[in-house]
Amino acid sequence: MSEVRVPAFERIRMSYDEWWALPEKPKSEWVDGTVVVVNVPPNLDHSDSGFGLHSTLRRAFPSLRVYADVPLRLPRNRVRRPDLMVFDHRPEREPVEETPILVVEVLSPGTHLIDAFEKAPEYAEAGIGQFWIVDPEARSLDVYALVDGRWESLLRLDDLRPTGEVTVEGHGTIALDLPVILAG
């Protein structure tokens, strides 16, 4: 039996209204008149890391709201789905149009270039205060702050430096433990 290979993502031309009206949305984002369908199946490492960071954020900041995989409207005609978004209130509607305090992308083997490199400037242009990248395969967590329109590194955790703290502007400091986050 031959192996069937499915691309990690597909791009399909479609208007925003057509995309939003789909009765059963596949995991997708809308970028400049194109639907980006993500065909990477969820995996245990991605799920554990997302849950671990979600739990860590909720414990550290009980008054903040943490949302997973909710559409976020960005400048330049884009709607992305960060793995996690943090707000100090419940957004009014989907796709969310308010600016989150921070967004998190948990990298997957098939989409890591999009998650880390295509989305970073989009999140910066939207004025999001912090961008966190969890890479379960590399066993790392990078935290960036938006400074003068560019991402500046605040913290990098990996197996050599597995713990650290970072300040979330206006909300306090959070202690981060990479092995706990990756374990879920």
C-alpha atoms as a PDB file:
ATOM      1  CA  MET A   1       0.000   0.000   0.000  1.00  0.00           C
ATOM      2  CA  SER A   2       1.410   3.389  -0.959  1.00  0.00           C
ATOM      3  CA  GLU A   3       1.584   6.231   1.525  1.00  0.00           C
ATOM      4  CA  VAL A   4      -0.855   9.079   0.947  1.00  0.00           C
ATOM      5  CA  ARG A   5       0.764  12.473   1.541  1.00  0.00           C
ATOM      6  CA  VAL A   6      -1.419  15.435   2.382  1.00  0.00           C
ATOM      7  CA  PRO A   7       0.128  18.922   2.366  1.00  0.00           C
ATOM      8  CA  ALA A   8       0.400  20.604   5.773  1.00  0.00           C
ATOM      9  CA  PHE A   9      -1.790  23.421   4.512  1.00  0.00           C
ATOM     10  CA  GLU A  10      -3.764  24.366   1.416  1.00  0.00           C
ATOM     11  CA  ARG A  11      -4.611  27.802   0.068  1.00  0.00           C
ATOM     12  CA  ILE A  12      -8.057  28.289  -1.499  1.00  0.00           C
ATOM     13  CA  ARG A  13      -9.286  31.571  -3.007  1.00  0.00           C
ATOM     14  CA  MET A  14     -12.514  32.577  -1.266  1.00  0.00           C
ATOM     15  CA  SER A  15     -14.150  35.775  -0.076  1.00  0.00           C
ATOM     16  CA  TYR A  16     -14.313  36.530   3.621  1.00  0.00           C
ATOM     17  CA  ASP A  17     -18.114  36.182   3.595  1.00  0.00           C
ATOM     18  CA  GLU A  18     -17.915  32.784   1.854  1.00  0.00           C
ATOM     19  CA  TRP A  19     -15.337  31.582   4.360  1.00  0.00           C
ATOM     20  CA  TRP A  20     -17.223  32.830   7.410  1.00  0.00           C
ATOM     21  CA  ALA A  21     -20.496  31.293   6.105  1.00  0.00           C
ATOM     22  CA  LEU A  22     -19.047  27.790   5.756  1.00  0.00           C
ATOM     23  CA  PRO A  23     -21.319  25.565   7.858  1.00  0.00           C
ATOM     24  CA  GLU A  24     -18.478  23.313   8.967  1.00  0.00           C
ATOM     25  CA  LYS A  25     -15.235  25.206   9.145  1.00  0.00           C
ATOM     26  CA  PRO A  26     -12.074  23.206   8.808  1.00  0.00           C
ATOM     27  CA  LYS A  27      -9.186  24.529  10.920  1.00  0.00           C
ATOM     28  CA  SER A  28      -8.410  27.547   8.770  1.00  0.00           C
ATOM     29  CA  GLU A  29      -7.363  31.179   8.643  1.00  0.00           C
ATOM     30  CA  TRP A  30      -8.286  33.880   6.136  1.00  0.00           C
ATOM     31  CA  VAL A  31      -5.442  35.878   4.568  1.00  0.00           C
ATOM     32  CA  ASP A  32      -5.890  38.400   1.742  1.00  0.00           C
ATOM     33  CA  GLY A  33      -8.813  36.658   0.047  1.00  0.00           C
ATOM     34  CA  THR A  34      -7.361  33.201   0.539  1.00  0.00           C
ATOM     35  CA  VAL A  35      -8.414  30.558   3.029  1.00  0.00           C
ATOM     36  CA  VAL A  36      -5.418  28.777   4.530  1.00  0.00           C
ATOM     37  CA  VAL A  37      -6.663  25.315   5.535  1.00  0.00           C
ATOM     38  CA  VAL A  38      -4.442  23.608   8.079  1.00  0.00           C
ATOM     39  CA  ASN A  39      -4.230  19.866   7.456  1.00  0.00           C
ATOM     40  CA  VAL A  40      -1.833  19.079  10.279  1.00  0.00           C
ATOM     41  CA  PRO A  41      -3.624  16.765  12.687  1.00  0.00           C
ATOM     42  CA  PRO A  42      -3.400  17.633  16.362  1.00  0.00           C
ATOM     43  CA  ASN A  43      -0.614  15.807  18.146  1.00  0.00           C
ATOM     44  CA  LEU A  44       0.045  15.021  21.776  1.00  0.00           C
ATOM     45  CA  ASP A  45       3.008  17.398  22.177  1.00  0.00           C
ATOM     46  CA  HIS A  46       1.059  20.336  20.724  1.00  0.00           C
ATOM     47  CA  SER A  47      -1.944  19.569  22.898  1.00  0.00           C
ATOM     48  CA  ASP A  48       0.109  19.102  26.078  1.00  0.00           C
ATOM     49  CA  SER A  49       2.064  22.327  25.508  1.00  0.00           C
ATOM     50  CA  GLY A  50      -1.032  24.394  24.773  1.00  0.00           C
ATOM     51  CA  PHE A  51      -2.849  23.032  27.815  1.00  0.00           C
ATOM     52  CA  GLY A  52       0.219  23.465  30.030  1.00  0.00           C
ATOM     53  CA  LEU A  53       0.667  27.104  29.070  1.00  0.00           C
ATOM     54  CA  HIS A  54      -3.088  27.787  29.289  1.00  0.00           C
ATOM     55  CA  SER A  55      -3.091  26.408  32.845  1.00  0.00           C
ATOM     56  CA  THR A  56       0.045  28.352  33.796  1.00  0.00           C
ATOM     57  CA  LEU A  57      -1.425  31.620  32.506  1.00  0.00           C
ATOM     58  CA  ARG A  58      -4.760  31.067  34.299  1.00  0.00           C
ATOM     59  CA  ARG A  59      -3.032  30.299  37.610  1.00  0.00           C
ATOM     60  CA  ALA A  60      -0.736  33.332  37.375  1.00  0.00           C
ATOM     61  CA  PHE A  61      -3.412  35.753  36.173  1.00  0.00           C
ATOM     62  CA  PRO A  62      -6.824  34.604  37.441  1.00  0.00           C
ATOM     63  CA  SER A  63      -8.484  37.885  36.435  1.00  0.00           C
ATOM     64  CA  LEU A  64      -7.415  37.533  32.786  1.00  0.00           C
ATOM     65  CA  ARG A  65      -9.262  35.541  30.128  1.00  0.00           C
ATOM     66  CA  VAL A  66      -7.332  32.932  28.120  1.00  0.00           C
ATOM     67  CA  TYR A  67      -8.886  31.714  24.859  1.00  0.00           C
ATOM     68  CA  ALA A  68      -7.735  28.843  22.660  1.00  0.00           C
ATOM     69  CA  ASP A  69      -8.002  28.715  18.864  1.00  0.00           C
ATOM     70  CA  VAL A  70     -10.420  31.646  18.428  1.00  0.00           C
ATOM     71  CA  PRO A  71     -10.336  33.715  15.212  1.00  0.00           C
ATOM     72  CA  LEU A  72      -8.611  37.102  15.547  1.00  0.00           C
ATOM     73  CA  ARG A  73      -9.075  39.865  12.962  1.00  0.00           C
ATOM     74  CA  LEU A  74      -5.779  41.535  12.073  1.00  0.00           C
ATOM     75  CA  PRO A  75      -4.827  44.479   9.865  1.00  0.00           C
ATOM     76  CA  ARG A  76      -4.427  44.004   6.115  1.00  0.00           C
ATOM     77  CA  ASN A  77      -7.470  41.829   5.625  1.00  0.00           C
ATOM     78  CA  ARG A  78      -6.422  38.841   7.753  1.00  0.00           C
ATOM     79  CA  VAL A  79      -7.999  36.528  10.293  1.00  0.00           C
ATOM     80  CA  ARG A  80      -5.622  34.265  12.206  1.00  0.00           C
ATOM     81  CA  ARG A  81      -6.242  31.657  14.928  1.00  0.00           C
ATOM     82  CA  PRO A  82      -3.535  31.917  17.595  1.00  0.00           C
ATOM     83  CA  ASP A  83      -3.275  28.831  19.757  1.00  0.00           C
ATOM     84  CA  LEU A  84      -3.878  31.069  22.804  1.00  0.00           C
ATOM     85  CA  MET A  85      -4.912  34.706  23.301  1.00  0.00           C
ATOM     86  CA  VAL A  86      -5.059  36.613  26.591  1.00  0.00           C
ATOM     87  CA  PHE A  87      -7.459  39.483  27.328  1.00  0.00           C
ATOM     88  CA  ASP A  88      -8.479  41.492  30.376  1.00  0.00           C
ATOM     89  CA  HIS A  89     -12.136  41.138  29.273  1.00  0.00           C
ATOM     90  CA  ARG A  90     -14.364  38.829  27.236  1.00  0.00           C
ATOM     91  CA  PRO A  91     -14.247  39.921  23.588  1.00  0.00           C
ATOM     92  CA  GLU A  92     -17.546  41.055  22.094  1.00  0.00           C
ATOM     93  CA  ARG A  93     -17.690  38.768  19.042  1.00  0.00           C
ATOM     94  CA  GLU A  94     -15.920  36.394  16.706  1.00  0.00           C
ATOM     95  CA  PRO A  95     -13.756  36.995  14.923  1.00  0.00           C
ATOM     96  CA  VAL A  96     -12.284  38.963  17.802  1.00  0.00           C
ATOM     97  CA  GLU A  97     -11.535  42.541  16.806  1.00  0.00           C
ATOM     98  CA  GLU A  98     -10.044  43.781  20.091  1.00  0.00           C
ATOM     99  CA  THR A  99      -6.274  43.634  20.599  1.00  0.00           C
ATOM    100  CA  PRO A 100      -5.119  40.848  22.923  1.00  0.00           C
ATOM    101  CA  ILE A 101      -2.556  41.440  25.656  1.00  0.00           C
ATOM    102  CA  LEU A 102      -0.549  38.547  24.260  1.00  0.00           C
ATOM    103  CA  VAL A 103      -0.804  35.715  21.747  1.00  0.00           C
ATOM    104  CA  VAL A 104       0.787  32.277  21.783  1.00  0.00           C
ATOM    105  CA  GLU A 105       1.673  29.986  18.912  1.00  0.00           C
ATOM    106  CA  VAL A 106       2.543  26.362  19.656  1.00  0.00           C
ATOM    107  CA  LEU A 107       4.613  25.160  16.728  1.00  0.00           C
ATOM    108  CA  SER A 108       3.694  22.052  14.749  1.00  0.00           C
ATOM    109  CA  PRO A 109       6.027  20.317  12.286  1.00  0.00           C
ATOM    110  CA  GLY A 110       3.969  21.244   9.211  1.00  0.00           C
ATOM    111  CA  THR A 111       3.099  24.831  10.092  1.00  0.00           C
ATOM    112  CA  HIS A 112       6.043  26.152  12.112  1.00  0.00           C
ATOM    113  CA  LEU A 113       7.212  28.567   9.399  1.00  0.00           C
ATOM    114  CA  ILE A 114       3.784  30.178   9.109  1.00  0.00           C
ATOM    115  CA  ASP A 115       3.288  30.291  12.884  1.00  0.00           C
ATOM    116  CA  ALA A 116       6.710  31.731  13.714  1.00  0.00           C
ATOM    117  CA  PHE A 117       7.556  33.889  10.706  1.00  0.00           C
ATOM    118  CA  GLU A 118       4.431  34.887   8.751  1.00  0.00           C
ATOM    119  CA  LYS A 119       2.318  35.667  11.790  1.00  0.00           C
ATOM    120  CA  ALA A 120       4.967  37.553  13.818  1.00  0.00           C
ATOM    121  CA  PRO A 121       4.879  40.766  11.715  1.00  0.00           C
ATOM    122  CA  GLU A 122       1.074  40.560  11.503  1.00  0.00           C
ATOM    123  CA  TYR A 123       0.789  40.399  15.291  1.00  0.00           C
ATOM    124  CA  ALA A 124       3.249  43.291  15.602  1.00  0.00           C
ATOM    125  CA  GLU A 125       1.264  45.418  13.154  1.00  0.00           C
ATOM    126  CA  ALA A 126      -1.871  44.716  15.215  1.00  0.00           C
ATOM    127  CA  GLY A 127      -0.140  46.193  18.285  1.00  0.00           C
ATOM    128  CA  ILE A 128      -0.267  43.008  20.375  1.00  0.00           C
ATOM    129  CA  GLY A 129       1.966  43.530  23.419  1.00  0.00           C
ATOM    130  CA  GLN A 130       3.640  40.127  23.578  1.00  0.00           C
ATOM    131  CA  PHE A 131       4.159  37.138  21.277  1.00  0.00           C
ATOM    132  CA  TRP A 132       5.043  33.781  22.830  1.00  0.00           C
ATOM    133  CA  ILE A 133       6.281  30.817  20.783  1.00  0.00           C
ATOM    134  CA  VAL A 134       6.320  27.306  22.231  1.00  0.00           C
ATOM    135  CA  ASP A 135       8.259  24.722  20.240  1.00  0.00           C
ATOM    136  CA  PRO A 136       7.579  21.253  21.693  1.00  0.00           C
ATOM    137  CA  GLU A 137      10.006  19.571  19.271  1.00  0.00           C
ATOM    138  CA  ALA A 138      12.909  21.901  20.174  1.00  0.00           C
ATOM    139  CA  ARG A 139      11.732  21.998  23.819  1.00  0.00           C
ATOM    140  CA  SER A 140      11.760  25.786  23.954  1.00  0.00           C
ATOM    141  CA  LEU A 141       9.634  28.801  24.822  1.00  0.00           C
ATOM    142  CA  ASP A 142      10.435  32.266  23.479  1.00  0.00           C
ATOM    143  CA  VAL A 143       8.718  35.395  24.800  1.00  0.00           C
ATOM    144  CA  TYR A 144       8.863  38.626  22.806  1.00  0.00           C
ATOM    145  CA  ALA A 145       7.613  42.137  23.636  1.00  0.00           C
ATOM    146  CA  LEU A 146       6.554  44.667  21.040  1.00  0.00           C
ATOM    147  CA  VAL A 147       8.975  47.620  21.239  1.00  0.00           C
ATOM    148  CA  ASP A 148       8.712  50.404  18.647  1.00  0.00           C
ATOM    149  CA  GLY A 149       6.896  48.097  16.221  1.00  0.00           C
ATOM    150  CA  ARG A 150       9.445  45.273  16.467  1.00  0.00           C
ATOM    151  CA  TRP A 151       9.687  42.116  18.541  1.00  0.00           C
ATOM    152  CA  GLU A 152      12.338  42.234  21.269  1.00  0.00           C
ATOM    153  CA  SER A 153      13.285  39.047  23.112  1.00  0.00           C
ATOM    154  CA  LEU A 154      12.341  39.032  26.797  1.00  0.00           C
ATOM    155  CA  LEU A 155      12.995  35.400  27.670  1.00  0.00           C
ATOM    156  CA  ARG A 156      14.103  32.110  26.161  1.00  0.00           C
ATOM    157  CA  LEU A 157      13.577  28.859  27.995  1.00  0.00           C
ATOM    158  CA  ASP A 158      15.050  25.540  26.881  1.00  0.00           C
ATOM    159  CA  ASP A 159      16.564  22.437  28.460  1.00  0.00           C
ATOM    160  CA  LEU A 160      19.653  24.414  29.534  1.00  0.00           C
ATOM    161  CA  ARG A 161      17.558  27.175  31.139  1.00  0.00           C
ATOM    162  CA  PRO A 162      14.168  25.601  31.883  1.00  0.00           C
ATOM    163  CA  THR A 163      12.726  28.217  34.245  1.00  0.00           C
ATOM    164  CA  GLY A 164      12.374  31.980  34.275  1.00  0.00           C
ATOM    165  CA  GLU A 165      10.056  34.897  34.844  1.00  0.00           C
ATOM    166  CA  VAL A 166       8.534  37.441  32.518  1.00  0.00           C
ATOM    167  CA  THR A 167       6.478  40.554  33.199  1.00  0.00           C
ATOM    168  CA  VAL A 168       3.201  40.986  31.366  1.00  0.00           C
ATOM    169  CA  GLU A 169       2.851  44.772  31.200  1.00  0.00           C
ATOM    170  CA  GLY A 170       0.199  46.041  33.558  1.00  0.00           C
ATOM    171  CA  HIS A 171      -0.648  42.602  34.942  1.00  0.00           C
ATOM    172  CA  GLY A 172       2.367  41.360  36.867  1.00  0.00           C
ATOM    173  CA  THR A 173       5.074  38.755  36.598  1.00  0.00           C
ATOM    174  CA  ILE A 174       4.632  35.108  35.696  1.00  0.00           C
ATOM    175  CA  ALA A 175       6.982  32.280  36.643  1.00  0.00           C
ATOM    176  CA  LEU A 176       7.455  29.851  33.770  1.00  0.00           C
ATOM    177  CA  ASP A 177       8.621  26.242  34.061  1.00  0.00           C
ATOM    178  CA  LEU A 178       9.248  24.725  30.635  1.00  0.00           C
ATOM    179  CA  PRO A 179       9.044  21.033  31.663  1.00  0.00           C
ATOM    180  CA  VAL A 180       5.689  21.706  33.357  1.00  0.00           C
ATOM    181  CA  ILE A 181       4.369  23.564  30.301  1.00  0.00           C
ATOM    182  CA  LEU A 182       5.496  20.867  27.850  1.00  0.00           C
ATOM    183  CA  ALA A 183       4.048  18.097  30.042  1.00  0.00           C
ATOM    184  CA  GLY A 184       0.627  19.736  30.039  1.00  0.00           C
END
